[in-house]
Amino acid sequence: MKYGKNKPTKDQQKRLDALFVQGYEVAVCHSYEEAKGIISKYLGICNN
């Protein structure tokens, strides 16, 4: 999670890239709703 317009640091981005290459789902979210949507989609949960 990041606040406002903050972006991952270079070290954080390297970690995210490494996890993605290994097949993990990765995302940087800026709100609860954004995170909830990504997690729900990943788990196949309907967002009603």
N, C-alpha and C. Protein backbone atom coordinates (compact mmCIF):
# COMPACT_ATOMS: atom_id res chain seq x y z
N MET A 1 0.84 -1.18 0.00
CA MET A 1 0.00 0.00 0.00
C MET A 1 0.89 1.24 0.00
N LYS A 2 0.47 2.20 -0.77
CA LYS A 2 1.15 3.48 -0.82
C LYS A 2 0.11 4.58 -0.61
N TYR A 3 0.56 5.69 -0.07
CA TYR A 3 -0.33 6.80 0.22
C TYR A 3 -0.15 7.90 -0.83
N GLY A 4 -1.27 8.47 -1.26
CA GLY A 4 -1.21 9.58 -2.19
C GLY A 4 -0.58 9.18 -3.51
N LYS A 5 0.39 9.98 -3.96
CA LYS A 5 1.05 9.71 -5.24
C LYS A 5 2.38 9.00 -5.04
N ASN A 6 2.63 8.48 -3.84
CA ASN A 6 3.89 7.78 -3.58
C ASN A 6 4.03 6.57 -4.48
N LYS A 7 5.26 6.28 -4.83
CA LYS A 7 5.59 5.13 -5.67
C LYS A 7 6.55 4.23 -4.89
N PRO A 8 6.66 2.97 -5.31
CA PRO A 8 7.63 2.09 -4.66
C PRO A 8 9.05 2.64 -4.82
N THR A 9 9.87 2.40 -3.82
CA THR A 9 11.29 2.76 -3.94
C THR A 9 11.93 1.83 -4.96
N LYS A 10 13.14 2.13 -5.36
CA LYS A 10 13.84 1.26 -6.31
C LYS A 10 13.98 -0.15 -5.75
N ASP A 11 14.31 -0.26 -4.46
CA ASP A 11 14.44 -1.59 -3.84
C ASP A 11 13.10 -2.32 -3.81
N GLN A 12 12.03 -1.61 -3.48
CA GLN A 12 10.71 -2.23 -3.47
C GLN A 12 10.32 -2.70 -4.86
N GLN A 13 10.59 -1.88 -5.87
CA GLN A 13 10.23 -2.25 -7.23
C GLN A 13 11.03 -3.46 -7.70
N LYS A 14 12.30 -3.53 -7.32
CA LYS A 14 13.11 -4.71 -7.66
C LYS A 14 12.51 -5.96 -7.04
N ARG A 15 12.04 -5.86 -5.79
CA ARG A 15 11.42 -7.01 -5.11
C ARG A 15 10.12 -7.39 -5.81
N LEU A 16 9.30 -6.40 -6.15
CA LEU A 16 8.05 -6.68 -6.85
C LEU A 16 8.31 -7.36 -8.19
N ASP A 17 9.29 -6.86 -8.94
CA ASP A 17 9.64 -7.45 -10.23
C ASP A 17 10.11 -8.89 -10.07
N ALA A 18 10.94 -9.13 -9.06
CA ALA A 18 11.45 -10.49 -8.82
C ALA A 18 10.31 -11.45 -8.47
N LEU A 19 9.38 -11.00 -7.65
CA LEU A 19 8.23 -11.84 -7.28
C LEU A 19 7.35 -12.13 -8.50
N PHE A 20 7.14 -11.10 -9.34
CA PHE A 20 6.34 -11.27 -10.54
C PHE A 20 6.94 -12.30 -11.48
N VAL A 21 8.25 -12.23 -11.67
CA VAL A 21 8.95 -13.18 -12.54
C VAL A 21 8.79 -14.60 -12.02
N GLN A 22 8.68 -14.75 -10.70
CA GLN A 22 8.51 -16.07 -10.10
C GLN A 22 7.06 -16.55 -10.16
N GLY A 23 6.16 -15.72 -10.68
CA GLY A 23 4.77 -16.14 -10.85
C GLY A 23 3.81 -15.61 -9.81
N TYR A 24 4.27 -14.75 -8.93
CA TYR A 24 3.40 -14.18 -7.91
C TYR A 24 2.59 -13.02 -8.48
N GLU A 25 1.39 -12.84 -7.97
CA GLU A 25 0.58 -11.67 -8.32
C GLU A 25 1.08 -10.51 -7.47
N VAL A 26 1.44 -9.41 -8.09
CA VAL A 26 1.93 -8.25 -7.35
C VAL A 26 1.19 -7.00 -7.81
N ALA A 27 1.00 -6.07 -6.89
CA ALA A 27 0.34 -4.80 -7.21
C ALA A 27 0.71 -3.78 -6.15
N VAL A 28 0.72 -2.54 -6.54
CA VAL A 28 0.89 -1.44 -5.61
C VAL A 28 -0.44 -0.71 -5.57
N CYS A 29 -1.07 -0.70 -4.43
CA CYS A 29 -2.39 -0.10 -4.29
C CYS A 29 -2.31 1.19 -3.48
N HIS A 30 -3.25 2.09 -3.76
CA HIS A 30 -3.28 3.38 -3.07
C HIS A 30 -4.54 3.55 -2.23
N SER A 31 -5.37 2.52 -2.17
CA SER A 31 -6.58 2.59 -1.34
C SER A 31 -7.04 1.18 -0.98
N TYR A 32 -7.86 1.14 0.05
CA TYR A 32 -8.47 -0.13 0.45
C TYR A 32 -9.31 -0.71 -0.69
N GLU A 33 -10.11 0.15 -1.34
CA GLU A 33 -10.98 -0.33 -2.41
C GLU A 33 -10.18 -0.92 -3.57
N GLU A 34 -9.08 -0.28 -3.92
CA GLU A 34 -8.23 -0.81 -4.99
C GLU A 34 -7.66 -2.17 -4.61
N ALA A 35 -7.16 -2.28 -3.39
CA ALA A 35 -6.60 -3.55 -2.91
C ALA A 35 -7.69 -4.62 -2.85
N LYS A 36 -8.85 -4.26 -2.35
CA LYS A 36 -9.97 -5.20 -2.26
C LYS A 36 -10.34 -5.74 -3.64
N GLY A 37 -10.38 -4.86 -4.64
CA GLY A 37 -10.72 -5.28 -5.99
C GLY A 37 -9.70 -6.23 -6.58
N ILE A 38 -8.43 -5.92 -6.38
CA ILE A 38 -7.36 -6.78 -6.92
C ILE A 38 -7.37 -8.14 -6.23
N ILE A 39 -7.50 -8.14 -4.92
CA ILE A 39 -7.52 -9.41 -4.17
C ILE A 39 -8.75 -10.23 -4.54
N SER A 40 -9.91 -9.58 -4.63
CA SER A 40 -11.14 -10.29 -4.99
C SER A 40 -11.04 -10.91 -6.37
N LYS A 41 -10.51 -10.15 -7.32
CA LYS A 41 -10.33 -10.67 -8.68
C LYS A 41 -9.39 -11.86 -8.67
N TYR A 42 -8.28 -11.74 -7.95
CA TYR A 42 -7.31 -12.83 -7.85
C TYR A 42 -7.92 -14.10 -7.28
N LEU A 43 -8.75 -13.93 -6.26
CA LEU A 43 -9.38 -15.08 -5.61
C LEU A 43 -10.66 -15.54 -6.30
N GLY A 44 -11.11 -14.80 -7.31
CA GLY A 44 -12.33 -15.16 -8.02
C GLY A 44 -13.58 -14.90 -7.21
N ILE A 45 -13.52 -13.89 -6.35
CA ILE A 45 -14.66 -13.53 -5.50
C ILE A 45 -15.44 -12.42 -6.17
N CYS A 46 -16.74 -12.55 -6.21
CA CYS A 46 -17.60 -11.52 -6.80
C CYS A 46 -17.61 -10.29 -5.89
N ASN A 47 -17.55 -9.09 -6.49
CA ASN A 47 -17.53 -7.83 -5.74
C ASN A 47 -18.90 -7.19 -5.64
N ASN A 48 -19.92 -7.90 -5.32
CA ASN A 48 -21.27 -7.31 -5.21
C ASN A 48 -21.46 -6.62 -3.92
